[in-house]
Amino acid sequence: IIAMGWYRQAPGKQRELLARITSGGSSNYEDSVKGRFTISRDN
């Protein structure tokens, strides 16, 4: 899998990307969750 991510959708709002991790191990975060949320994988 090239990349896996977590999205969320609150009532009445658009689905938004929160965090993503690539097959190469790099990750990125939406600003509102940066420092609070951590994406990880167990292959």
ModelCIF file with pLDDT and N, C-alpha, C, O atoms, coordinates in Angstrom:
data_MODEL
#
_entry.id   MODEL 
#
_entity.id                         1 
_entity.type                       polymer 
_entity.pdbx_number_of_molecules   1 
#
_entity_poly.entity_id                      1 
_entity_poly.type                           'polypeptide(L)' 
_entity_poly.nstd_linkage                   no 
_entity_poly.nstd_monomer                   no 
_entity_poly.pdbx_seq_one_letter_code       IIAMGWYRQAPGKQRELLARITSGGSSNYEDSVKGRFTISRDN 
_entity_poly.pdbx_seq_one_letter_code_can   IIAMGWYRQAPGKQRELLARITSGGSSNYEDSVKGRFTISRDN 
_entity_poly.pdbx_strand_id                 A 
#
loop_
_entity_poly_seq.entity_id 
_entity_poly_seq.num 
_entity_poly_seq.mon_id 
_entity_poly_seq.hetero 
1 1  ILE n 
1 2  ILE n 
1 3  ALA n 
1 4  MET n 
1 5  GLY n 
1 6  TRP n 
1 7  TYR n 
1 8  ARG n 
1 9  GLN n 
1 10 ALA n 
1 11 PRO n 
1 12 GLY n 
1 13 LYS n 
1 14 GLN n 
1 15 ARG n 
1 16 GLU n 
1 17 LEU n 
1 18 LEU n 
1 19 ALA n 
1 20 ARG n 
1 21 ILE n 
1 22 THR n 
1 23 SER n 
1 24 GLY n 
1 25 GLY n 
1 26 SER n 
1 27 SER n 
1 28 ASN n 
1 29 TYR n 
1 30 GLU n 
1 31 ASP n 
1 32 SER n 
1 33 VAL n 
1 34 LYS n 
1 35 GLY n 
1 36 ARG n 
1 37 PHE n 
1 38 THR n 
1 39 ILE n 
1 40 SER n 
1 41 ARG n 
1 42 ASP n 
1 43 ASN n 
#
_struct_asym.id          A 
_struct_asym.entity_id   1 
#
loop_
_ma_qa_metric.id 
_ma_qa_metric.mode 
_ma_qa_metric.name 
_ma_qa_metric.software_group_id 
_ma_qa_metric.type 
1 global pLDDT . pLDDT 
2 local  pLDDT . pLDDT 
#
_ma_qa_metric_global.metric_id      1 
_ma_qa_metric_global.metric_value   94.93 
_ma_qa_metric_global.model_id       1 
_ma_qa_metric_global.ordinal_id     1 
#
loop_
_ma_qa_metric_local.label_asym_id 
_ma_qa_metric_local.label_comp_id 
_ma_qa_metric_local.label_seq_id 
_ma_qa_metric_local.metric_id 
_ma_qa_metric_local.metric_value 
_ma_qa_metric_local.model_id 
_ma_qa_metric_local.ordinal_id 
A ILE 1  2 85.00 1 1  
A ILE 2  2 88.00 1 2  
A ALA 3  2 93.00 1 3  
A MET 4  2 95.00 1 4  
A GLY 5  2 96.00 1 5  
A TRP 6  2 98.00 1 6  
A TYR 7  2 98.00 1 7  
A ARG 8  2 98.00 1 8  
A GLN 9  2 98.00 1 9  
A ALA 10 2 97.00 1 10 
A PRO 11 2 92.00 1 11 
A GLY 12 2 94.00 1 12 
A LYS 13 2 96.00 1 13 
A GLN 14 2 97.00 1 14 
A ARG 15 2 97.00 1 15 
A GLU 16 2 97.00 1 16 
A LEU 17 2 97.00 1 17 
A LEU 18 2 98.00 1 18 
A ALA 19 2 98.00 1 19 
A ARG 20 2 97.00 1 20 
A ILE 21 2 96.00 1 21 
A THR 22 2 92.00 1 22 
A SER 23 2 86.00 1 23 
A GLY 24 2 87.00 1 24 
A GLY 25 2 88.00 1 25 
A SER 26 2 94.00 1 26 
A SER 27 2 97.00 1 27 
A ASN 28 2 97.00 1 28 
A TYR 29 2 98.00 1 29 
A GLU 30 2 97.00 1 30 
A ASP 31 2 96.00 1 31 
A SER 32 2 94.00 1 32 
A VAL 33 2 96.00 1 33 
A LYS 34 2 97.00 1 34 
A GLY 35 2 97.00 1 35 
A ARG 36 2 98.00 1 36 
A PHE 37 2 98.00 1 37 
A THR 38 2 98.00 1 38 
A ILE 39 2 98.00 1 39 
A SER 40 2 96.00 1 40 
A ARG 41 2 93.00 1 41 
A ASP 42 2 92.00 1 42 
A ASN 43 2 88.00 1 43 
#
loop_
_atom_site.group_PDB 
_atom_site.id 
_atom_site.type_symbol 
_atom_site.label_atom_id 
_atom_site.label_alt_id 
_atom_site.label_comp_id 
_atom_site.label_asym_id 
_atom_site.label_entity_id 
_atom_site.label_seq_id 
_atom_site.pdbx_PDB_ins_code 
_atom_site.Cartn_x 
_atom_site.Cartn_y 
_atom_site.Cartn_z 
_atom_site.occupancy 
_atom_site.B_iso_or_equiv 
_atom_site.pdbx_formal_charge 
_atom_site.auth_seq_id 
_atom_site.auth_comp_id 
_atom_site.auth_asym_id 
_atom_site.auth_atom_id 
_atom_site.pdbx_PDB_model_num 
ATOM 1   N N  . ILE A 1 1  ? 0.843   -1.187 0.000  1.00 85.00 ? 1  ILE A N  1 
ATOM 2   C CA . ILE A 1 1  ? 0.000   0.000  0.000  1.00 85.00 ? 1  ILE A CA 1 
ATOM 3   C C  . ILE A 1 1  ? 0.880   1.240  0.000  1.00 85.00 ? 1  ILE A C  1 
ATOM 4   O O  . ILE A 1 1  ? 1.774   1.385  0.835  1.00 85.00 ? 1  ILE A O  1 
ATOM 5   N N  . ILE A 1 2  ? 0.619   2.123  -0.938 1.00 88.00 ? 2  ILE A N  1 
ATOM 6   C CA . ILE A 1 2  ? 1.450   3.314  -1.088 1.00 88.00 ? 2  ILE A CA 1 
ATOM 7   C C  . ILE A 1 2  ? 1.372   4.201  0.139  1.00 88.00 ? 2  ILE A C  1 
ATOM 8   O O  . ILE A 1 2  ? 2.387   4.678  0.646  1.00 88.00 ? 2  ILE A O  1 
ATOM 9   N N  . ALA A 1 3  ? 0.143   4.416  0.610  1.00 93.00 ? 3  ALA A N  1 
ATOM 10  C CA . ALA A 1 3  ? -0.049  5.269  1.764  1.00 93.00 ? 3  ALA A CA 1 
ATOM 11  C C  . ALA A 1 3  ? -1.320  4.879  2.488  1.00 93.00 ? 3  ALA A C  1 
ATOM 12  O O  . ALA A 1 3  ? -2.278  4.409  1.874  1.00 93.00 ? 3  ALA A O  1 
ATOM 13  N N  . MET A 1 4  ? -1.325  5.074  3.789  1.00 95.00 ? 4  MET A N  1 
ATOM 14  C CA . MET A 1 4  ? -2.527  4.897  4.586  1.00 95.00 ? 4  MET A CA 1 
ATOM 15  C C  . MET A 1 4  ? -2.722  6.144  5.426  1.00 95.00 ? 4  MET A C  1 
ATOM 16  O O  . MET A 1 4  ? -1.764  6.787  5.853  1.00 95.00 ? 4  MET A O  1 
ATOM 17  N N  . GLY A 1 5  ? -3.974  6.466  5.649  1.00 96.00 ? 5  GLY A N  1 
ATOM 18  C CA . GLY A 1 5  ? -4.256  7.676  6.380  1.00 96.00 ? 5  GLY A CA 1 
ATOM 19  C C  . GLY A 1 5  ? -5.506  7.575  7.214  1.00 96.00 ? 5  GLY A C  1 
ATOM 20  O O  . GLY A 1 5  ? -6.295  6.637  7.095  1.00 96.00 ? 5  GLY A O  1 
ATOM 21  N N  . TRP A 1 6  ? -5.662  8.561  8.052  1.00 98.00 ? 6  TRP A N  1 
ATOM 22  C CA . TRP A 1 6  ? -6.854  8.710  8.874  1.00 98.00 ? 6  TRP A CA 1 
ATOM 23  C C  . TRP A 1 6  ? -7.551  10.012 8.517  1.00 98.00 ? 6  TRP A C  1 
ATOM 24  O O  . TRP A 1 6  ? -6.931  11.073 8.452  1.00 98.00 ? 6  TRP A O  1 
ATOM 25  N N  . TYR A 1 7  ? -8.832  9.907  8.291  1.00 98.00 ? 7  TYR A N  1 
ATOM 26  C CA . TYR A 1 7  ? -9.699  11.045 8.042  1.00 98.00 ? 7  TYR A CA 1 
ATOM 27  C C  . TYR A 1 7  ? -10.755 11.112 9.133  1.00 98.00 ? 7  TYR A C  1 
ATOM 28  O O  . TYR A 1 7  ? -10.976 10.148 9.867  1.00 98.00 ? 7  TYR A O  1 
ATOM 29  N N  . ARG A 1 8  ? -11.395 12.256 9.224  1.00 98.00 ? 8  ARG A N  1 
ATOM 30  C CA . ARG A 1 8  ? -12.554 12.352 10.097 1.00 98.00 ? 8  ARG A CA 1 
ATOM 31  C C  . ARG A 1 8  ? -13.598 13.256 9.465  1.00 98.00 ? 8  ARG A C  1 
ATOM 32  O O  . ARG A 1 8  ? -13.289 14.116 8.640  1.00 98.00 ? 8  ARG A O  1 
ATOM 33  N N  . GLN A 1 9  ? -14.828 13.040 9.868  1.00 98.00 ? 9  GLN A N  1 
ATOM 34  C CA . GLN A 1 9  ? -15.928 13.848 9.385  1.00 98.00 ? 9  GLN A CA 1 
ATOM 35  C C  . GLN A 1 9  ? -16.884 14.121 10.533 1.00 98.00 ? 9  GLN A C  1 
ATOM 36  O O  . GLN A 1 9  ? -17.489 13.207 11.093 1.00 98.00 ? 9  GLN A O  1 
ATOM 37  N N  . ALA A 1 10 ? -17.006 15.390 10.870 1.00 97.00 ? 10 ALA A N  1 
ATOM 38  C CA . ALA A 1 10 ? -17.950 15.826 11.881 1.00 97.00 ? 10 ALA A CA 1 
ATOM 39  C C  . ALA A 1 10 ? -19.274 16.163 11.216 1.00 97.00 ? 10 ALA A C  1 
ATOM 40  O O  . ALA A 1 10 ? -19.303 16.454 10.020 1.00 97.00 ? 10 ALA A O  1 
ATOM 41  N N  . PRO A 1 11 ? -20.371 16.128 11.966 1.00 92.00 ? 11 PRO A N  1 
ATOM 42  C CA . PRO A 1 11 ? -21.677 16.439 11.376 1.00 92.00 ? 11 PRO A CA 1 
ATOM 43  C C  . PRO A 1 11 ? -21.688 17.793 10.688 1.00 92.00 ? 11 PRO A C  1 
ATOM 44  O O  . PRO A 1 11 ? -21.263 18.794 11.266 1.00 92.00 ? 11 PRO A O  1 
ATOM 45  N N  . GLY A 1 12 ? -22.172 17.824 9.457  1.00 94.00 ? 12 GLY A N  1 
ATOM 46  C CA . GLY A 1 12 ? -22.276 19.058 8.705  1.00 94.00 ? 12 GLY A CA 1 
ATOM 47  C C  . GLY A 1 12 ? -20.977 19.582 8.136  1.00 94.00 ? 12 GLY A C  1 
ATOM 48  O O  . GLY A 1 12 ? -20.940 20.687 7.594  1.00 94.00 ? 12 GLY A O  1 
ATOM 49  N N  . LYS A 1 13 ? -19.906 18.809 8.250  1.00 96.00 ? 13 LYS A N  1 
ATOM 50  C CA . LYS A 1 13 ? -18.616 19.272 7.772  1.00 96.00 ? 13 LYS A CA 1 
ATOM 51  C C  . LYS A 1 13 ? -18.023 18.303 6.757  1.00 96.00 ? 13 LYS A C  1 
ATOM 52  O O  . LYS A 1 13 ? -18.452 17.155 6.640  1.00 96.00 ? 13 LYS A O  1 
ATOM 53  N N  . GLN A 1 14 ? -17.035 18.792 6.034  1.00 97.00 ? 14 GLN A N  1 
ATOM 54  C CA . GLN A 1 14 ? -16.338 17.982 5.050  1.00 97.00 ? 14 GLN A CA 1 
ATOM 55  C C  . GLN A 1 14 ? -15.444 16.954 5.733  1.00 97.00 ? 14 GLN A C  1 
ATOM 56  O O  . GLN A 1 14 ? -14.957 17.168 6.843  1.00 97.00 ? 14 GLN A O  1 
ATOM 57  N N  . ARG A 1 15 ? -15.241 15.840 5.047  1.00 97.00 ? 15 ARG A N  1 
ATOM 58  C CA . ARG A 1 15 ? -14.273 14.878 5.530  1.00 97.00 ? 15 ARG A CA 1 
ATOM 59  C C  . ARG A 1 15 ? -12.872 15.453 5.341  1.00 97.00 ? 15 ARG A C  1 
ATOM 60  O O  . ARG A 1 15 ? -12.535 15.942 4.263  1.00 97.00 ? 15 ARG A O  1 
ATOM 61  N N  . GLU A 1 16 ? -12.070 15.392 6.380  1.00 97.00 ? 16 GLU A N  1 
ATOM 62  C CA . GLU A 1 16 ? -10.753 15.988 6.331  1.00 97.00 ? 16 GLU A CA 1 
ATOM 63  C C  . GLU A 1 16 ? -9.673  14.966 6.652  1.00 97.00 ? 16 GLU A C  1 
ATOM 64  O O  . GLU A 1 16 ? -9.848  14.077 7.485  1.00 97.00 ? 16 GLU A O  1 
ATOM 65  N N  . LEU A 1 17 ? -8.560  15.124 5.966  1.00 97.00 ? 17 LEU A N  1 
ATOM 66  C CA . LEU A 1 17 ? -7.398  14.274 6.211  1.00 97.00 ? 17 LEU A CA 1 
ATOM 67  C C  . LEU A 1 17 ? -6.677  14.747 7.457  1.00 97.00 ? 17 LEU A C  1 
ATOM 68  O O  . LEU A 1 17 ? -6.366  15.931 7.592  1.00 97.00 ? 17 LEU A O  1 
ATOM 69  N N  . LEU A 1 18 ? -6.413  13.827 8.364  1.00 98.00 ? 18 LEU A N  1 
ATOM 70  C CA . LEU A 1 18 ? -5.720  14.146 9.598  1.00 98.00 ? 18 LEU A CA 1 
ATOM 71  C C  . LEU A 1 18 ? -4.247  13.754 9.570  1.00 98.00 ? 18 LEU A C  1 
ATOM 72  O O  . LEU A 1 18 ? -3.379  14.526 9.978  1.00 98.00 ? 18 LEU A O  1 
ATOM 73  N N  . ALA A 1 19 ? -3.983  12.567 9.092  1.00 98.00 ? 19 ALA A N  1 
ATOM 74  C CA . ALA A 1 19 ? -2.627  12.041 9.121  1.00 98.00 ? 19 ALA A CA 1 
ATOM 75  C C  . ALA A 1 19 ? -2.459  10.997 8.038  1.00 98.00 ? 19 ALA A C  1 
ATOM 76  O O  . ALA A 1 19 ? -3.408  10.302 7.676  1.00 98.00 ? 19 ALA A O  1 
ATOM 77  N N  . ARG A 1 20 ? -1.254  10.892 7.528  1.00 97.00 ? 20 ARG A N  1 
ATOM 78  C CA . ARG A 1 20 ? -0.953  9.927  6.484  1.00 97.00 ? 20 ARG A CA 1 
ATOM 79  C C  . ARG A 1 20 ? 0.445   9.372  6.698  1.00 97.00 ? 20 ARG A C  1 
ATOM 80  O O  . ARG A 1 20 ? 1.354   10.088 7.119  1.00 97.00 ? 20 ARG A O  1 
ATOM 81  N N  . ILE A 1 21 ? 0.606   8.094  6.404  1.00 96.00 ? 21 ILE A N  1 
ATOM 82  C CA . ILE A 1 21 ? 1.911   7.463  6.471  1.00 96.00 ? 21 ILE A CA 1 
ATOM 83  C C  . ILE A 1 21 ? 2.116   6.671  5.192  1.00 96.00 ? 21 ILE A C  1 
ATOM 84  O O  . ILE A 1 21 ? 1.222   5.950  4.750  1.00 96.00 ? 21 ILE A O  1 
ATOM 85  N N  . THR A 1 22 ? 3.291   6.805  4.599  1.00 92.00 ? 22 THR A N  1 
ATOM 86  C CA . THR A 1 22 ? 3.595   6.143  3.338  1.00 92.00 ? 22 THR A CA 1 
ATOM 87  C C  . THR A 1 22 ? 4.276   4.812  3.581  1.00 92.00 ? 22 THR A C  1 
ATOM 88  O O  . THR A 1 22 ? 4.686   4.497  4.698  1.00 92.00 ? 22 THR A O  1 
ATOM 89  N N  . SER A 1 23 ? 4.388   4.034  2.510  1.00 86.00 ? 23 SER A N  1 
ATOM 90  C CA . SER A 1 23 ? 5.093   2.767  2.600  1.00 86.00 ? 23 SER A CA 1 
ATOM 91  C C  . SER A 1 23 ? 6.557   2.964  2.952  1.00 86.00 ? 23 SER A C  1 
ATOM 92  O O  . SER A 1 23 ? 7.193   2.066  3.503  1.00 86.00 ? 23 SER A O  1 
ATOM 93  N N  . GLY A 1 24 ? 7.093   4.138  2.634  1.00 87.00 ? 24 GLY A N  1 
ATOM 94  C CA . GLY A 1 24 ? 8.463   4.456  2.983  1.00 87.00 ? 24 GLY A CA 1 
ATOM 95  C C  . GLY A 1 24 ? 8.649   4.915  4.411  1.00 87.00 ? 24 GLY A C  1 
ATOM 96  O O  . GLY A 1 24 ? 9.779   5.111  4.860  1.00 87.00 ? 24 GLY A O  1 
ATOM 97  N N  . GLY A 1 25 ? 7.554   5.088  5.129  1.00 88.00 ? 25 GLY A N  1 
ATOM 98  C CA . GLY A 1 25 ? 7.634   5.432  6.535  1.00 88.00 ? 25 GLY A CA 1 
ATOM 99  C C  . GLY A 1 25 ? 7.499   6.900  6.862  1.00 88.00 ? 25 GLY A C  1 
ATOM 100 O O  . GLY A 1 25 ? 7.502   7.268  8.037  1.00 88.00 ? 25 GLY A O  1 
ATOM 101 N N  . SER A 1 26 ? 7.379   7.749  5.859  1.00 94.00 ? 26 SER A N  1 
ATOM 102 C CA . SER A 1 26 ? 7.211   9.161  6.139  1.00 94.00 ? 26 SER A CA 1 
ATOM 103 C C  . SER A 1 26 ? 5.761   9.451  6.512  1.00 94.00 ? 26 SER A C  1 
ATOM 104 O O  . SER A 1 26 ? 4.841   8.787  6.035  1.00 94.00 ? 26 SER A O  1 
ATOM 105 N N  . SER A 1 27 ? 5.573   10.432 7.355  1.00 97.00 ? 27 SER A N  1 
ATOM 106 C CA . SER A 1 27 ? 4.238   10.771 7.811  1.00 97.00 ? 27 SER A CA 1 
ATOM 107 C C  . SER A 1 27 ? 4.037   12.274 7.787  1.00 97.00 ? 27 SER A C  1 
ATOM 108 O O  . SER A 1 27 ? 4.996   13.046 7.821  1.00 97.00 ? 27 SER A O  1 
ATOM 109 N N  . ASN A 1 28 ? 2.782   12.676 7.728  1.00 97.00 ? 28 ASN A N  1 
ATOM 110 C CA . ASN A 1 28 ? 2.449   14.087 7.798  1.00 97.00 ? 28 ASN A CA 1 
ATOM 111 C C  . ASN A 1 28 ? 1.097   14.242 8.475  1.00 97.00 ? 28 ASN A C  1 
ATOM 112 O O  . ASN A 1 28 ? 0.298   13.307 8.529  1.00 97.00 ? 28 ASN A O  1 
ATOM 113 N N  . TYR A 1 29 ? 0.859   15.451 8.993  1.00 98.00 ? 29 TYR A N  1 
ATOM 114 C CA . TYR A 1 29 ? -0.310  15.703 9.824  1.00 98.00 ? 29 TYR A CA 1 
ATOM 115 C C  . TYR A 1 29 ? -0.969  17.021 9.466  1.00 98.00 ? 29 TYR A C  1 
ATOM 116 O O  . TYR A 1 29 ? -0.319  17.969 9.026  1.00 98.00 ? 29 TYR A O  1 
ATOM 117 N N  . GLU A 1 30 ? -2.268  17.054 9.665  1.00 97.00 ? 30 GLU A N  1 
ATOM 118 C CA . GLU A 1 30 ? -2.999  18.297 9.578  1.00 97.00 ? 30 GLU A CA 1 
ATOM 119 C C  . GLU A 1 30 ? -2.645  19.140 10.806 1.00 97.00 ? 30 GLU A C  1 
ATOM 120 O O  . GLU A 1 30 ? -2.396  18.603 11.886 1.00 97.00 ? 30 GLU A O  1 
ATOM 121 N N  . ASP A 1 31 ? -2.626  20.444 10.633 1.00 96.00 ? 31 ASP A N  1 
ATOM 122 C CA . ASP A 1 31 ? -2.137  21.324 11.685 1.00 96.00 ? 31 ASP A CA 1 
ATOM 123 C C  . ASP A 1 31 ? -2.909  21.185 13.000 1.00 96.00 ? 31 ASP A C  1 
ATOM 124 O O  . ASP A 1 31 ? -2.321  21.290 14.076 1.00 96.00 ? 31 ASP A O  1 
ATOM 125 N N  . SER A 1 32 ? -4.199  20.954 12.921 1.00 94.00 ? 32 SER A N  1 
ATOM 126 C CA . SER A 1 32 ? -5.007  20.922 14.125 1.00 94.00 ? 32 SER A CA 1 
ATOM 127 C C  . SER A 1 32 ? -4.705  19.733 15.032 1.00 94.00 ? 32 SER A C  1 
ATOM 128 O O  . SER A 1 32 ? -5.044  19.753 16.215 1.00 94.00 ? 32 SER A O  1 
ATOM 129 N N  . VAL A 1 33 ? -4.073  18.702 14.487 1.00 96.00 ? 33 VAL A N  1 
ATOM 130 C CA . VAL A 1 33 ? -3.767  17.521 15.287 1.00 96.00 ? 33 VAL A CA 1 
ATOM 131 C C  . VAL A 1 33 ? -2.274  17.311 15.473 1.00 96.00 ? 33 VAL A C  1 
ATOM 132 O O  . VAL A 1 33 ? -1.863  16.408 16.202 1.00 96.00 ? 33 VAL A O  1 
ATOM 133 N N  . LYS A 1 34 ? -1.472  18.116 14.836 1.00 97.00 ? 34 LYS A N  1 
ATOM 134 C CA . LYS A 1 34 ? -0.022  17.976 14.941 1.00 97.00 ? 34 LYS A CA 1 
ATOM 135 C C  . LYS A 1 34 ? 0.410   18.161 16.394 1.00 97.00 ? 34 LYS A C  1 
ATOM 136 O O  . LYS A 1 34 ? 0.026   19.128 17.052 1.00 97.00 ? 34 LYS A O  1 
ATOM 137 N N  . GLY A 1 35 ? 1.205   17.231 16.873 1.00 97.00 ? 35 GLY A N  1 
ATOM 138 C CA . GLY A 1 35 ? 1.654   17.263 18.251 1.00 97.00 ? 35 GLY A CA 1 
ATOM 139 C C  . GLY A 1 35 ? 0.742   16.541 19.213 1.00 97.00 ? 35 GLY A C  1 
ATOM 140 O O  . GLY A 1 35 ? 1.140   16.258 20.343 1.00 97.00 ? 35 GLY A O  1 
ATOM 141 N N  . ARG A 1 36 ? -0.483  16.233 18.792 1.00 98.00 ? 36 ARG A N  1 
ATOM 142 C CA . ARG A 1 36 ? -1.425  15.510 19.628 1.00 98.00 ? 36 ARG A CA 1 
ATOM 143 C C  . ARG A 1 36 ? -1.694  14.098 19.122 1.00 98.00 ? 36 ARG A C  1 
ATOM 144 O O  . ARG A 1 36 ? -1.852  13.167 19.910 1.00 98.00 ? 36 ARG A O  1 
ATOM 145 N N  . PHE A 1 37 ? -1.743  13.949 17.807 1.00 98.00 ? 37 PHE A N  1 
ATOM 146 C CA . PHE A 1 37 ? -2.027  12.654 17.191 1.00 98.00 ? 37 PHE A CA 1 
ATOM 147 C C  . PHE A 1 37 ? -0.756  12.095 16.572 1.00 98.00 ? 37 PHE A C  1 
ATOM 148 O O  . PHE A 1 37 ? 0.095   12.839 16.085 1.00 98.00 ? 37 PHE A O  1 
ATOM 149 N N  . THR A 1 38 ? -0.643  10.780 16.598 1.00 98.00 ? 38 THR A N  1 
ATOM 150 C CA . THR A 1 38 ? 0.491   10.100 15.992 1.00 98.00 ? 38 THR A CA 1 
ATOM 151 C C  . THR A 1 38 ? 0.002   8.914  15.175 1.00 98.00 ? 38 THR A C  1 
ATOM 152 O O  . THR A 1 38 ? -0.714  8.051  15.683 1.00 98.00 ? 38 THR A O  1 
ATOM 153 N N  . ILE A 1 39 ? 0.394   8.877  13.909 1.00 98.00 ? 39 ILE A N  1 
ATOM 154 C CA . ILE A 1 39 ? 0.078   7.742  13.068 1.00 98.00 ? 39 ILE A CA 1 
ATOM 155 C C  . ILE A 1 39 ? 1.279   6.799  13.055 1.00 98.00 ? 39 ILE A C  1 
ATOM 156 O O  . ILE A 1 39 ? 2.426   7.241  12.995 1.00 98.00 ? 39 ILE A O  1 
ATOM 157 N N  . SER A 1 40 ? 1.007   5.519  13.112 1.00 96.00 ? 40 SER A N  1 
ATOM 158 C CA . SER A 1 40 ? 2.071   4.532  13.100 1.00 96.00 ? 40 SER A CA 1 
ATOM 159 C C  . SER A 1 40 ? 1.573   3.276  12.413 1.00 96.00 ? 40 SER A C  1 
ATOM 160 O O  . SER A 1 40 ? 0.383   3.136  12.131 1.00 96.00 ? 40 SER A O  1 
ATOM 161 N N  . ARG A 1 41 ? 2.481   2.377  12.150 1.00 93.00 ? 41 ARG A N  1 
ATOM 162 C CA . ARG A 1 41 ? 2.113   1.126  11.497 1.00 93.00 ? 41 ARG A CA 1 
ATOM 163 C C  . ARG A 1 41 ? 2.861   -0.034 12.107 1.00 93.00 ? 41 ARG A C  1 
ATOM 164 O O  . ARG A 1 41 ? 3.973   0.116  12.613 1.00 93.00 ? 41 ARG A O  1 
ATOM 165 N N  . ASP A 1 42 ? 2.236   -1.191 12.051 1.00 92.00 ? 42 ASP A N  1 
ATOM 166 C CA . ASP A 1 42 ? 2.841   -2.444 12.459 1.00 92.00 ? 42 ASP A CA 1 
ATOM 167 C C  . ASP A 1 42 ? 2.730   -3.368 11.259 1.00 92.00 ? 42 ASP A C  1 
ATOM 168 O O  . ASP A 1 42 ? 1.677   -3.959 11.016 1.00 92.00 ? 42 ASP A O  1 
ATOM 169 N N  . ASN A 1 43 ? 3.807   -3.491 10.517 1.00 88.00 ? 43 ASN A N  1 
ATOM 170 C CA . ASN A 1 43 ? 3.772   -4.262 9.280  1.00 88.00 ? 43 ASN A CA 1 
ATOM 171 C C  . ASN A 1 43 ? 3.470   -5.742 9.521  1.00 88.00 ? 43 ASN A C  1 
ATOM 172 O O  . ASN A 1 43 ? 3.407   -6.522 8.570  1.00 88.00 ? 43 ASN A O  1 
#
